[in-house]
N, C-alpha and C. Protein backbone atom coordinates (compact mmCIF):
# COMPACT_ATOMS: atom_id res chain seq x y z
N MET A 1 109.36 116.95 76.60
CA MET A 1 108.92 116.08 77.74
C MET A 1 107.56 116.41 78.12
N ALA A 2 106.75 115.32 78.51
CA ALA A 2 105.54 115.41 78.98
C ALA A 2 105.46 115.87 80.53
N HIS A 3 104.49 116.73 80.86
CA HIS A 3 104.39 117.25 82.14
C HIS A 3 104.54 116.34 83.33
N TRP A 4 104.24 114.97 83.19
CA TRP A 4 104.29 114.04 84.05
C TRP A 4 105.54 113.34 84.31
N GLU A 5 106.41 113.49 83.31
CA GLU A 5 107.70 112.78 83.45
C GLU A 5 108.83 113.14 84.10
N HIS A 6 108.88 114.45 84.56
CA HIS A 6 109.97 115.03 85.11
C HIS A 6 109.72 115.36 86.82
N ARG A 7 110.55 114.86 87.53
CA ARG A 7 110.76 115.56 88.92
C ARG A 7 112.19 115.71 89.30
N ASP A 8 112.68 116.66 90.01
CA ASP A 8 114.10 117.12 90.24
C ASP A 8 114.83 116.02 90.94
N GLU A 9 114.18 115.40 91.97
CA GLU A 9 114.84 114.44 92.79
C GLU A 9 115.27 113.06 91.99
N PRO A 10 116.67 112.89 92.33
CA PRO A 10 117.36 111.81 91.70
C PRO A 10 116.56 110.43 91.77
N GLY A 11 115.91 110.17 92.95
CA GLY A 11 115.16 108.99 92.86
C GLY A 11 114.07 108.75 92.03
N TRP A 12 113.49 109.90 91.55
CA TRP A 12 112.40 109.78 90.61
C TRP A 12 112.41 108.58 89.58
N LYS A 13 113.62 108.68 89.05
CA LYS A 13 114.00 107.80 87.84
C LYS A 13 114.26 106.23 88.31
N LYS A 14 114.39 106.10 89.52
CA LYS A 14 114.73 104.75 90.02
C LYS A 14 113.59 103.83 90.32
N VAL A 15 112.44 104.43 90.33
CA VAL A 15 111.12 103.51 90.49
C VAL A 15 110.47 103.55 89.10
N ARG A 16 110.17 102.26 88.70
CA ARG A 16 109.60 102.13 87.40
C ARG A 16 108.00 101.92 87.51
N PHE A 17 107.41 103.13 87.40
CA PHE A 17 105.86 103.10 87.46
C PHE A 17 105.42 102.68 86.13
N ASN A 18 104.14 102.24 86.01
CA ASN A 18 103.45 101.84 84.78
C ASN A 18 102.41 102.93 84.44
N GLN A 19 102.04 102.98 83.11
CA GLN A 19 100.89 103.74 82.78
C GLN A 19 99.76 102.97 82.86
N PRO A 20 98.66 103.41 83.62
CA PRO A 20 97.31 102.70 83.41
C PRO A 20 96.75 102.75 82.11
N TYR A 21 96.06 101.64 81.78
CA TYR A 21 95.14 101.66 80.53
C TYR A 21 96.10 101.68 79.25
N ALA A 22 97.27 100.98 79.41
CA ALA A 22 98.48 100.97 78.50
C ALA A 22 97.95 100.72 77.06
N LYS A 23 97.09 99.67 76.96
CA LYS A 23 96.56 99.36 75.51
C LYS A 23 96.07 100.44 74.71
N GLY A 24 95.04 101.00 75.37
CA GLY A 24 94.24 102.23 74.75
C GLY A 24 95.21 103.41 74.70
N LEU A 25 96.13 103.56 75.56
CA LEU A 25 96.97 104.79 75.61
C LEU A 25 97.91 104.59 74.31
N LYS A 26 98.44 103.43 73.99
CA LYS A 26 99.24 103.25 72.85
C LYS A 26 98.49 103.47 71.56
N ARG A 27 97.44 103.12 71.51
CA ARG A 27 96.52 103.41 70.30
C ARG A 27 96.18 104.89 70.06
N LEU A 28 95.95 105.39 71.19
CA LEU A 28 95.74 106.85 71.10
C LEU A 28 96.88 107.55 70.67
N ARG A 29 98.20 107.33 71.27
CA ARG A 29 99.30 108.13 70.80
C ARG A 29 99.66 107.79 69.27
N GLU A 30 99.74 106.49 68.99
CA GLU A 30 100.24 106.06 67.67
C GLU A 30 99.40 106.24 66.53
N GLU A 31 97.88 105.90 66.83
CA GLU A 31 97.06 105.88 65.58
C GLU A 31 96.19 107.20 65.52
N VAL A 32 95.99 107.70 66.67
CA VAL A 32 95.13 108.91 66.72
C VAL A 32 95.94 110.29 66.68
N LEU A 33 96.60 110.54 67.77
CA LEU A 33 97.36 111.62 67.87
C LEU A 33 98.51 111.88 66.92
N GLY A 34 99.02 110.51 66.52
CA GLY A 34 100.27 110.53 65.70
C GLY A 34 99.76 110.60 64.16
N LYS A 35 98.50 110.38 63.92
CA LYS A 35 98.16 110.29 62.46
C LYS A 35 96.89 110.90 62.00
N THR A 36 96.28 111.65 62.99
CA THR A 36 95.14 112.37 62.57
C THR A 36 95.14 113.80 63.13
N ASP A 37 94.09 114.60 62.74
CA ASP A 37 94.04 116.00 63.27
C ASP A 37 93.20 116.16 64.64
N PHE A 38 93.07 114.82 65.29
CA PHE A 38 92.16 114.84 66.46
C PHE A 38 92.73 115.85 67.45
N ASP A 39 91.78 116.71 68.04
CA ASP A 39 92.09 117.71 69.07
C ASP A 39 92.09 117.12 70.45
N PRO A 40 93.26 116.89 71.14
CA PRO A 40 93.30 116.36 72.44
C PRO A 40 92.51 117.01 73.45
N ALA A 41 92.15 118.37 73.21
CA ALA A 41 91.35 119.05 74.25
C ALA A 41 89.93 118.57 74.31
N THR A 42 89.33 117.80 73.35
CA THR A 42 88.22 117.22 73.45
C THR A 42 88.19 116.14 74.44
N LEU A 43 89.38 115.52 74.87
CA LEU A 43 89.36 114.44 75.86
C LEU A 43 89.07 115.18 77.22
N TRP A 44 89.41 116.40 77.31
CA TRP A 44 88.96 117.14 78.62
C TRP A 44 87.52 117.15 78.65
N GLN A 45 86.82 117.56 77.51
CA GLN A 45 85.36 117.63 77.47
C GLN A 45 84.80 116.28 77.74
N TRP A 46 85.21 115.27 77.21
CA TRP A 46 84.76 113.92 77.37
C TRP A 46 84.81 113.47 78.80
N GLY A 47 86.10 113.78 79.37
CA GLY A 47 86.37 113.47 80.79
C GLY A 47 85.52 114.13 81.76
N THR A 48 85.22 115.36 81.46
CA THR A 48 84.31 116.23 82.35
C THR A 48 82.86 115.49 82.24
N MET A 49 82.49 115.24 80.97
CA MET A 49 81.19 114.45 80.87
C MET A 49 80.96 113.25 81.77
N GLN A 50 82.13 112.45 81.72
CA GLN A 50 82.13 111.27 82.65
C GLN A 50 82.21 111.56 84.03
N GLY A 51 82.86 112.64 84.54
CA GLY A 51 82.86 112.95 85.94
C GLY A 51 81.62 113.49 86.33
N MET A 52 81.04 114.29 85.59
CA MET A 52 79.58 114.84 85.85
C MET A 52 78.60 113.77 86.06
N ALA A 53 78.72 112.82 85.17
CA ALA A 53 77.67 111.73 85.22
C ALA A 53 77.94 110.87 86.36
N LEU A 54 79.20 110.70 86.87
CA LEU A 54 79.48 109.97 87.99
C LEU A 54 78.76 110.58 89.37
N ILE A 55 78.99 111.90 89.29
CA ILE A 55 78.44 112.69 90.32
C ILE A 55 76.89 112.52 90.39
N GLY A 56 76.30 112.74 89.20
CA GLY A 56 74.91 112.71 89.15
C GLY A 56 74.32 111.14 89.52
N LEU A 57 75.14 110.27 89.15
CA LEU A 57 74.75 108.85 89.65
C LEU A 57 74.74 108.54 90.86
N LEU A 58 75.91 109.06 91.64
CA LEU A 58 75.98 109.09 93.03
C LEU A 58 74.74 109.60 93.76
N LYS A 59 74.61 110.96 93.48
CA LYS A 59 73.51 111.51 94.10
C LYS A 59 72.18 110.95 93.82
N THR A 60 71.85 110.51 92.72
CA THR A 60 70.65 109.85 92.34
C THR A 60 70.57 108.52 93.32
N ALA A 61 71.66 107.81 93.22
CA ALA A 61 71.61 106.45 94.02
C ALA A 61 71.27 106.71 95.53
N GLU A 62 71.91 108.01 96.21
CA GLU A 62 71.56 108.25 97.50
C GLU A 62 70.38 108.69 97.60
N ARG A 63 69.63 109.39 96.82
CA ARG A 63 68.29 109.74 97.03
C ARG A 63 67.38 108.64 96.85
N GLN A 64 67.66 107.74 95.91
CA GLN A 64 66.72 106.83 95.71
C GLN A 64 66.91 105.36 96.63
N PHE A 65 68.19 105.21 96.91
CA PHE A 65 68.46 103.97 97.73
C PHE A 65 69.18 104.24 99.01
N ASP A 66 69.26 105.46 99.36
CA ASP A 66 69.94 105.94 100.69
C ASP A 66 71.10 105.16 100.94
N GLU A 67 71.59 104.72 101.86
CA GLU A 67 72.89 104.17 102.30
C GLU A 67 73.29 103.12 101.59
N ALA A 68 72.43 102.22 101.01
CA ALA A 68 72.83 101.14 100.17
C ALA A 68 73.20 101.73 98.69
N GLY A 69 72.45 102.63 98.31
CA GLY A 69 73.02 103.32 96.98
C GLY A 69 74.25 103.98 97.02
N GLN A 70 74.48 104.51 98.18
CA GLN A 70 75.85 105.30 98.34
C GLN A 70 77.04 104.18 98.42
N LYS A 71 76.78 103.18 99.20
CA LYS A 71 77.65 102.04 99.31
C LYS A 71 78.02 101.42 97.97
N MET A 72 77.05 101.25 97.18
CA MET A 72 77.15 100.58 95.96
C MET A 72 78.13 101.31 95.06
N VAL A 73 77.86 102.75 95.01
CA VAL A 73 78.68 103.42 94.01
C VAL A 73 80.17 103.52 94.59
N TYR A 74 80.28 103.80 96.00
CA TYR A 74 81.59 103.88 96.71
C TYR A 74 82.33 102.66 96.35
N GLU A 75 81.80 101.53 96.54
CA GLU A 75 82.60 100.24 96.22
C GLU A 75 82.96 100.23 94.84
N VAL A 76 82.17 100.63 93.88
CA VAL A 76 82.47 100.43 92.49
C VAL A 76 83.71 101.48 92.32
N LEU A 77 83.70 102.63 92.90
CA LEU A 77 84.76 103.58 92.51
C LEU A 77 86.17 103.23 93.41
N ARG A 78 85.83 102.52 94.44
CA ARG A 78 87.07 102.09 95.23
C ARG A 78 87.72 101.07 94.42
N GLY A 79 86.84 100.17 93.75
CA GLY A 79 87.37 99.12 93.16
C GLY A 79 88.28 99.56 91.69
N VAL A 80 87.57 100.57 91.12
CA VAL A 80 88.41 101.20 89.91
C VAL A 80 89.72 101.68 90.37
N GLY A 81 89.66 102.54 91.53
CA GLY A 81 90.92 102.99 91.96
C GLY A 81 91.96 101.95 92.35
N LEU A 82 91.47 100.89 93.05
CA LEU A 82 92.28 99.78 93.09
C LEU A 82 93.03 99.20 92.01
N ASP A 83 92.15 98.92 91.02
CA ASP A 83 92.63 98.60 89.71
C ASP A 83 93.75 99.40 89.06
N ILE A 84 93.56 100.67 89.08
CA ILE A 84 94.44 101.92 88.56
C ILE A 84 95.66 101.66 89.37
N GLY A 85 95.57 101.64 90.72
CA GLY A 85 96.93 101.47 91.43
C GLY A 85 97.70 100.30 91.28
N ARG A 86 96.79 99.24 91.06
CA ARG A 86 97.52 97.98 90.58
C ARG A 86 98.36 98.02 89.48
N GLN A 87 97.72 98.62 88.43
CA GLN A 87 98.48 98.93 87.05
C GLN A 87 99.69 99.79 87.17
N ILE A 88 99.57 100.83 87.99
CA ILE A 88 100.62 101.77 88.18
C ILE A 88 101.83 101.01 88.75
N LEU A 89 101.56 100.20 89.83
CA LEU A 89 102.57 99.56 90.67
C LEU A 89 103.08 98.22 90.04
N ASP A 90 102.41 97.73 89.15
CA ASP A 90 102.71 96.40 88.56
C ASP A 90 104.20 96.35 88.28
N GLY A 91 104.98 95.53 88.79
CA GLY A 91 106.37 95.36 88.74
C GLY A 91 107.25 96.39 89.20
N ALA A 92 106.73 97.39 89.99
CA ALA A 92 107.60 98.49 90.57
C ALA A 92 108.26 97.87 91.76
N GLU A 93 109.49 98.43 91.84
CA GLU A 93 110.50 97.98 93.13
C GLU A 93 110.81 99.47 93.68
N ILE A 94 110.86 99.24 94.98
CA ILE A 94 111.44 100.39 95.92
C ILE A 94 112.86 100.30 96.13
N PRO A 95 113.80 101.25 95.64
CA PRO A 95 115.18 101.04 95.97
C PRO A 95 115.42 100.94 97.48
N PRO A 96 116.33 100.17 97.92
CA PRO A 96 116.52 100.07 99.50
C PRO A 96 116.77 101.45 100.09
N ASP A 97 117.59 102.36 99.37
CA ASP A 97 117.81 103.54 100.05
C ASP A 97 116.80 104.74 99.87
N MET A 98 115.59 104.43 99.24
CA MET A 98 114.61 105.33 99.05
C MET A 98 113.69 105.47 100.39
N GLY A 99 113.63 106.58 100.88
CA GLY A 99 112.80 106.85 102.05
C GLY A 99 111.40 106.65 101.81
N ALA A 100 110.60 106.48 102.88
CA ALA A 100 109.12 106.28 102.66
C ALA A 100 108.38 107.44 102.05
N SER A 101 108.71 108.76 102.66
CA SER A 101 107.93 109.79 102.11
C SER A 101 108.38 110.12 100.73
N GLU A 102 109.64 109.86 100.25
CA GLU A 102 110.11 109.98 98.91
C GLU A 102 109.13 109.02 97.90
N PHE A 103 109.12 107.95 98.41
CA PHE A 103 108.37 106.89 97.53
C PHE A 103 106.86 107.40 97.47
N ILE A 104 106.22 107.62 98.81
CA ILE A 104 104.82 107.96 98.63
C ILE A 104 104.61 109.32 97.87
N SER A 105 105.50 110.09 97.86
CA SER A 105 105.48 111.39 97.08
C SER A 105 105.40 111.12 95.51
N PHE A 106 106.30 110.10 95.08
CA PHE A 106 106.37 109.75 93.80
C PHE A 106 105.09 109.12 93.22
N TYR A 107 104.65 108.19 94.07
CA TYR A 107 103.39 107.36 93.76
C TYR A 107 102.19 108.53 93.63
N ALA A 108 102.16 109.63 94.60
CA ALA A 108 101.06 110.55 94.34
C ALA A 108 101.28 111.40 93.17
N THR A 109 102.55 111.46 92.76
CA THR A 109 102.79 112.28 91.44
C THR A 109 102.12 111.52 90.34
N MET A 110 102.20 110.26 90.18
CA MET A 110 101.76 109.44 89.33
C MET A 110 100.14 109.40 89.33
N ILE A 111 99.69 109.48 90.47
CA ILE A 111 98.09 109.68 90.63
C ILE A 111 97.71 110.93 90.01
N ASN A 112 98.50 112.02 90.48
CA ASN A 112 98.10 113.39 90.23
C ASN A 112 98.20 113.75 88.69
N ARG A 113 99.41 113.57 88.36
CA ARG A 113 99.67 113.87 86.87
C ARG A 113 99.04 112.99 85.78
N VAL A 114 99.11 111.71 86.02
CA VAL A 114 98.59 110.77 84.98
C VAL A 114 97.07 110.42 85.31
N ALA A 115 96.94 109.82 86.45
CA ALA A 115 95.30 109.32 86.63
C ALA A 115 94.38 110.47 86.64
N TYR A 116 94.81 111.61 87.27
CA TYR A 116 93.85 112.78 87.29
C TYR A 116 94.33 113.77 86.26
N ALA A 117 95.22 113.67 85.41
CA ALA A 117 95.50 114.62 84.50
C ALA A 117 95.73 116.02 84.93
N SER A 118 96.26 116.16 86.06
CA SER A 118 96.38 117.53 86.80
C SER A 118 97.98 117.98 86.59
N LEU A 119 97.87 119.27 86.91
CA LEU A 119 99.39 120.05 87.08
C LEU A 119 99.64 120.17 88.52
N GLU A 120 100.80 119.68 88.88
CA GLU A 120 101.08 119.47 90.40
C GLU A 120 102.46 120.08 90.61
N GLU A 121 102.59 120.64 91.87
CA GLU A 121 103.66 121.00 92.41
C GLU A 121 104.05 120.17 93.62
N ALA A 122 104.99 119.21 93.66
CA ALA A 122 105.29 118.38 94.79
C ALA A 122 106.52 118.62 95.62
N ARG A 123 106.42 118.32 96.92
CA ARG A 123 107.49 118.63 97.76
C ARG A 123 107.63 117.31 98.63
N ILE A 124 109.05 117.06 99.01
CA ILE A 124 109.28 116.18 100.07
C ILE A 124 109.62 116.96 101.21
N ASP A 125 108.82 117.09 102.21
CA ASP A 125 109.14 118.08 103.24
C ASP A 125 110.06 117.47 104.37
N GLY A 126 110.20 116.11 104.33
CA GLY A 126 111.15 115.57 105.31
C GLY A 126 111.02 113.97 105.31
N PRO A 127 111.59 113.23 106.19
CA PRO A 127 111.47 111.81 106.24
C PRO A 127 110.18 111.30 106.41
N ASP A 128 109.32 112.00 107.16
CA ASP A 128 107.94 111.72 107.60
C ASP A 128 106.82 112.48 106.97
N GLN A 129 107.24 113.20 105.93
CA GLN A 129 106.04 114.07 105.37
C GLN A 129 106.33 114.61 104.13
N ALA A 130 105.27 114.54 103.12
CA ALA A 130 105.38 115.07 101.74
C ALA A 130 104.17 115.94 101.69
N SER A 131 104.18 116.79 100.66
CA SER A 131 102.91 117.42 100.42
C SER A 131 103.02 117.96 98.81
N PHE A 132 101.77 118.36 98.36
CA PHE A 132 101.61 118.77 96.91
C PHE A 132 100.57 119.70 96.96
N ASP A 133 100.65 120.58 95.90
CA ASP A 133 99.51 121.41 95.48
C ASP A 133 99.12 121.12 94.01
N ILE A 134 97.84 120.86 93.85
CA ILE A 134 97.31 120.84 92.59
C ILE A 134 97.01 122.20 92.03
N VAL A 135 97.69 122.50 90.94
CA VAL A 135 97.46 123.98 90.54
C VAL A 135 96.66 124.00 89.31
N TRP A 136 96.30 122.92 88.77
CA TRP A 136 95.19 122.89 87.80
C TRP A 136 94.58 121.49 87.76
N CYS A 137 93.30 121.33 88.07
CA CYS A 137 92.57 120.15 88.10
C CYS A 137 91.61 120.14 86.95
N PRO A 138 91.43 119.14 86.09
CA PRO A 138 90.42 119.20 84.96
C PRO A 138 88.93 119.51 85.49
N HIS A 139 88.74 119.10 86.75
CA HIS A 139 87.30 119.37 87.32
C HIS A 139 87.07 120.67 87.93
N GLN A 140 88.10 121.55 88.01
CA GLN A 140 87.87 122.70 88.97
C GLN A 140 86.90 123.65 88.61
N ASP A 141 86.59 123.85 87.38
CA ASP A 141 85.62 124.84 86.98
C ASP A 141 84.30 124.24 86.98
N HIS A 142 83.99 123.15 87.22
CA HIS A 142 82.65 122.45 87.24
C HIS A 142 82.22 121.63 88.30
N TYR A 143 83.05 121.31 89.21
CA TYR A 143 82.80 120.36 90.39
C TYR A 143 82.51 121.42 91.34
N ARG A 144 81.47 121.24 92.31
CA ARG A 144 81.16 121.85 93.54
C ARG A 144 82.02 121.19 94.60
N PRO A 145 82.33 121.92 95.71
CA PRO A 145 83.14 121.37 96.68
C PRO A 145 83.01 119.96 97.28
N PHE A 146 81.61 119.71 97.42
CA PHE A 146 81.24 118.30 97.91
C PHE A 146 81.52 117.24 96.75
N ASP A 147 81.60 117.72 95.52
CA ASP A 147 81.68 116.73 94.51
C ASP A 147 83.04 115.97 94.46
N CYS A 148 84.12 116.68 95.06
CA CYS A 148 85.39 116.00 95.12
C CYS A 148 85.48 114.77 95.93
N ARG A 149 84.37 114.28 96.67
CA ARG A 149 84.39 112.93 97.23
C ARG A 149 84.33 111.98 96.23
N VAL A 150 84.05 112.13 95.08
CA VAL A 150 84.11 111.25 94.06
C VAL A 150 85.60 110.65 93.87
N GLN A 151 86.41 111.75 93.73
CA GLN A 151 87.87 111.46 93.72
C GLN A 151 88.41 110.84 94.91
N ARG A 152 87.85 111.24 96.06
CA ARG A 152 88.26 110.62 97.25
C ARG A 152 87.99 109.02 97.30
N TYR A 153 86.81 108.68 96.80
CA TYR A 153 86.55 107.23 96.71
C TYR A 153 87.54 106.40 95.87
N LEU A 154 87.88 107.14 94.59
CA LEU A 154 88.95 106.48 93.85
C LEU A 154 90.34 106.40 94.44
N VAL A 155 90.58 107.49 95.15
CA VAL A 155 91.84 107.57 95.73
C VAL A 155 92.19 106.45 96.90
N GLN A 156 90.86 106.14 97.58
CA GLN A 156 90.94 105.01 98.61
C GLN A 156 91.38 103.77 98.05
N GLY A 157 90.87 103.54 96.82
CA GLY A 157 91.37 102.24 96.03
C GLY A 157 92.76 102.39 95.66
N MET A 158 93.34 103.41 95.38
CA MET A 158 94.78 103.55 94.99
C MET A 158 95.61 103.42 96.25
N ILE A 159 95.05 103.81 97.45
CA ILE A 159 95.73 103.72 98.65
C ILE A 159 95.77 102.11 99.01
N ASP A 160 94.68 101.54 98.80
CA ASP A 160 94.50 100.12 98.96
C ASP A 160 95.57 99.34 98.15
N ALA A 161 95.91 99.80 97.01
CA ALA A 161 96.84 99.13 96.20
C ALA A 161 98.16 99.23 96.71
N VAL A 162 98.68 100.29 97.40
CA VAL A 162 99.98 100.43 98.05
C VAL A 162 100.15 99.42 99.21
N LYS A 163 99.02 99.37 99.90
CA LYS A 163 98.85 98.40 101.03
C LYS A 163 99.03 96.88 100.68
N GLU A 164 98.56 96.72 99.52
CA GLU A 164 98.66 95.34 98.95
C GLU A 164 99.93 95.05 98.32
N LYS A 165 100.62 95.95 97.58
CA LYS A 165 101.93 95.76 97.01
C LYS A 165 103.08 95.91 97.95
N PHE A 166 103.06 97.15 98.88
CA PHE A 166 104.20 97.38 99.80
C PHE A 166 103.54 97.56 101.16
N PRO A 167 103.25 96.55 101.80
CA PRO A 167 102.57 96.65 103.21
C PRO A 167 103.32 97.38 104.11
N GLY A 168 104.66 97.44 103.94
CA GLY A 168 105.57 98.21 104.84
C GLY A 168 105.50 99.76 104.60
N ARG A 169 104.76 100.08 103.59
CA ARG A 169 104.74 101.45 103.10
C ARG A 169 103.43 102.33 103.21
N ASP A 170 102.51 101.58 104.14
CA ASP A 170 101.01 102.00 104.02
C ASP A 170 100.77 102.90 105.41
N GLN A 171 101.92 103.37 106.13
CA GLN A 171 101.54 103.95 107.27
C GLN A 171 101.25 105.45 107.03
N PHE A 172 101.42 105.86 105.79
CA PHE A 172 101.12 107.40 105.45
C PHE A 172 99.61 107.59 105.50
N GLN A 173 99.01 108.76 105.98
CA GLN A 173 97.95 109.17 105.80
C GLN A 173 97.90 110.53 104.82
N VAL A 174 96.74 110.92 104.35
CA VAL A 174 96.66 111.99 103.49
C VAL A 174 95.63 112.88 104.03
N ARG A 175 95.74 114.34 103.82
CA ARG A 175 94.86 115.16 104.24
C ARG A 175 94.53 116.18 103.27
N PHE A 176 93.32 116.57 103.03
CA PHE A 176 92.93 117.66 102.15
C PHE A 176 92.89 118.95 103.09
N ASP A 177 93.80 119.76 102.67
CA ASP A 177 93.90 121.00 103.45
C ASP A 177 93.15 122.15 102.79
N CYS A 178 93.11 122.04 101.65
CA CYS A 178 92.18 123.22 100.79
C CYS A 178 91.87 122.71 99.41
N THR A 179 90.85 123.10 98.77
CA THR A 179 90.60 122.68 97.53
C THR A 179 90.12 123.97 96.59
N ILE A 180 90.33 123.78 95.29
CA ILE A 180 90.08 124.95 94.41
C ILE A 180 88.58 125.00 94.29
N PRO A 181 87.74 123.95 94.25
CA PRO A 181 86.30 124.22 94.29
C PRO A 181 85.70 124.94 95.52
N SER A 182 86.56 125.03 96.64
CA SER A 182 86.00 125.52 97.75
C SER A 182 86.70 127.07 97.91
N GLY A 183 87.37 127.55 96.87
CA GLY A 183 87.69 128.87 96.66
C GLY A 183 89.12 129.02 96.95
N SER A 184 89.88 128.03 97.23
CA SER A 184 91.43 128.14 97.33
C SER A 184 92.16 128.47 96.16
N LYS A 185 93.32 128.94 95.94
CA LYS A 185 94.11 129.12 94.81
C LYS A 185 94.52 127.72 94.16
N THR A 186 94.87 126.74 95.05
CA THR A 186 95.21 125.32 94.94
C THR A 186 94.51 124.46 95.70
N CYS A 187 94.71 123.20 95.24
CA CYS A 187 94.23 122.04 96.22
C CYS A 187 95.46 121.50 96.93
N HIS A 188 95.69 121.85 98.17
CA HIS A 188 96.77 121.35 98.95
C HIS A 188 96.45 120.25 99.66
N PHE A 189 97.48 119.27 99.55
CA PHE A 189 97.34 118.03 100.26
C PHE A 189 98.71 117.80 101.11
N THR A 190 98.51 117.07 102.23
CA THR A 190 99.69 116.81 103.02
C THR A 190 99.61 115.22 103.24
N LEU A 191 100.95 114.69 103.07
CA LEU A 191 100.89 113.04 103.34
C LEU A 191 101.97 113.08 104.40
N TRP A 192 101.55 112.28 105.55
CA TRP A 192 102.42 112.29 106.75
C TRP A 192 102.42 110.84 107.35
N ARG A 193 103.41 110.53 107.97
CA ARG A 193 103.54 109.30 108.67
C ARG A 193 102.67 109.18 109.87
N ALA A 194 101.76 108.66 109.92
CA ALA A 194 100.57 108.82 110.99
C ALA A 194 101.04 108.08 112.18
N THR A 195 100.60 108.63 113.34
CA THR A 195 100.63 107.92 114.52
C THR A 195 99.51 106.97 114.75
N PRO A 196 99.55 105.91 115.74
CA PRO A 196 98.63 105.05 115.86
C PRO A 196 97.13 105.64 116.00
N GLU A 197 97.10 106.91 116.63
CA GLU A 197 95.81 107.64 116.83
C GLU A 197 95.40 108.06 115.51
N GLU A 198 96.17 108.46 114.54
CA GLU A 198 95.83 109.04 113.36
C GLU A 198 95.66 108.14 112.11
N THR A 199 95.79 106.73 112.38
CA THR A 199 95.68 105.88 111.24
C THR A 199 94.35 105.70 110.59
N GLU A 200 93.38 106.06 111.40
CA GLU A 200 92.03 105.95 110.88
C GLU A 200 91.42 107.22 110.42
N ALA A 201 92.28 108.26 110.32
CA ALA A 201 91.78 109.63 110.02
C ALA A 201 91.18 109.65 108.66
N TRP A 202 91.77 109.19 107.62
CA TRP A 202 91.18 109.14 106.31
C TRP A 202 89.75 108.42 106.25
N GLU A 203 89.66 107.26 106.86
CA GLU A 203 88.51 106.42 106.80
C GLU A 203 87.36 107.17 107.60
N ASN A 204 87.88 107.75 108.70
CA ASN A 204 86.92 108.52 109.68
C ASN A 204 86.19 109.80 108.93
N LEU A 205 87.11 110.54 108.13
CA LEU A 205 86.50 111.64 107.51
C LEU A 205 85.69 111.21 106.18
N THR A 206 86.06 110.01 105.62
CA THR A 206 85.22 109.55 104.57
C THR A 206 83.82 109.25 105.12
N ARG A 207 83.80 108.52 106.24
CA ARG A 207 82.38 108.33 106.90
C ARG A 207 81.69 109.50 107.13
N THR A 208 82.47 110.62 107.75
CA THR A 208 81.62 111.74 107.98
C THR A 208 81.23 112.43 106.76
N ILE A 209 81.94 112.53 105.61
CA ILE A 209 81.48 113.02 104.39
C ILE A 209 80.24 112.18 103.95
N ASN A 210 80.30 110.81 104.04
CA ASN A 210 79.18 110.17 103.42
C ASN A 210 77.87 110.27 104.29
N GLU A 211 77.99 110.56 105.70
CA GLU A 211 76.83 110.73 106.45
C GLU A 211 76.26 112.09 106.02
N LYS A 212 76.98 113.16 105.78
CA LYS A 212 76.61 114.36 105.31
C LYS A 212 75.89 114.32 103.93
N ALA A 213 76.43 113.56 103.23
CA ALA A 213 75.83 113.34 101.74
C ALA A 213 74.47 112.75 101.98
N LEU A 214 74.28 111.87 102.85
CA LEU A 214 72.87 111.10 103.07
C LEU A 214 72.06 112.15 103.63
N GLU A 215 72.44 113.03 104.53
CA GLU A 215 71.67 114.02 105.08
C GLU A 215 71.05 114.82 104.14
N LYS A 216 71.97 115.22 103.10
CA LYS A 216 71.53 116.10 101.96
C LYS A 216 70.46 115.44 101.10
N ALA A 217 70.86 114.26 100.78
CA ALA A 217 70.04 113.49 99.86
C ALA A 217 68.56 113.21 100.57
N ARG A 218 68.48 112.94 101.75
CA ARG A 218 67.27 112.72 102.49
C ARG A 218 66.45 113.88 102.54
N ALA A 219 67.20 115.01 102.69
CA ALA A 219 66.37 116.29 102.82
C ALA A 219 65.87 116.66 101.43
N ALA A 220 66.67 116.50 100.37
CA ALA A 220 66.17 116.62 99.07
C ALA A 220 65.11 115.87 98.60
N LYS A 221 64.96 114.70 99.21
CA LYS A 221 63.88 113.76 98.76
C LYS A 221 62.69 114.16 99.36
N LYS A 222 62.59 114.95 100.65
CA LYS A 222 61.30 115.26 101.25
C LYS A 222 60.56 116.28 100.36
């Protein structure tokens, strides 16, 4: 059984999520992994190259085009995240007896274990909260702490996909409590049912991060 296929909660099997990029995935499994001596570890090296290229592109866009460059890259990544979220959720239905925190935790597992190819320990803490630890992330040995904002931009699009597909399930906010690139043992995240005052927390923090990034870019340009 693949690492992403199992969770202990009975409800896990009741939601039919899809694999993103299914056409290419099918070819990889059947024609490449199934019939050749291709080393799948090289996919990690390829993915790391793509991730570092994105970070370089974002930083260069900020230095050369300031806020307009940052906005351009952000919107592209958010759009990619939205597309991935739509693919995962296409045709998915939430059982009537499934709690909101349970569903959002399962969706986060698909993002963490499939889209981000990470190892995750997930928990449903109660009806209004879920949490998870990323115990291994493919980027952890090469990302700097501030580089994780690239994943944040992608996640924003995946959040948008939930709002689009299940508008009644979009009241949860996500918080980065600690990250491996910052020196923690795991990346710990909390998902909780937000109060009206907290509903803009994610967007507000994104704006703060973006402003700090532009300050760094302007300083580097001088």
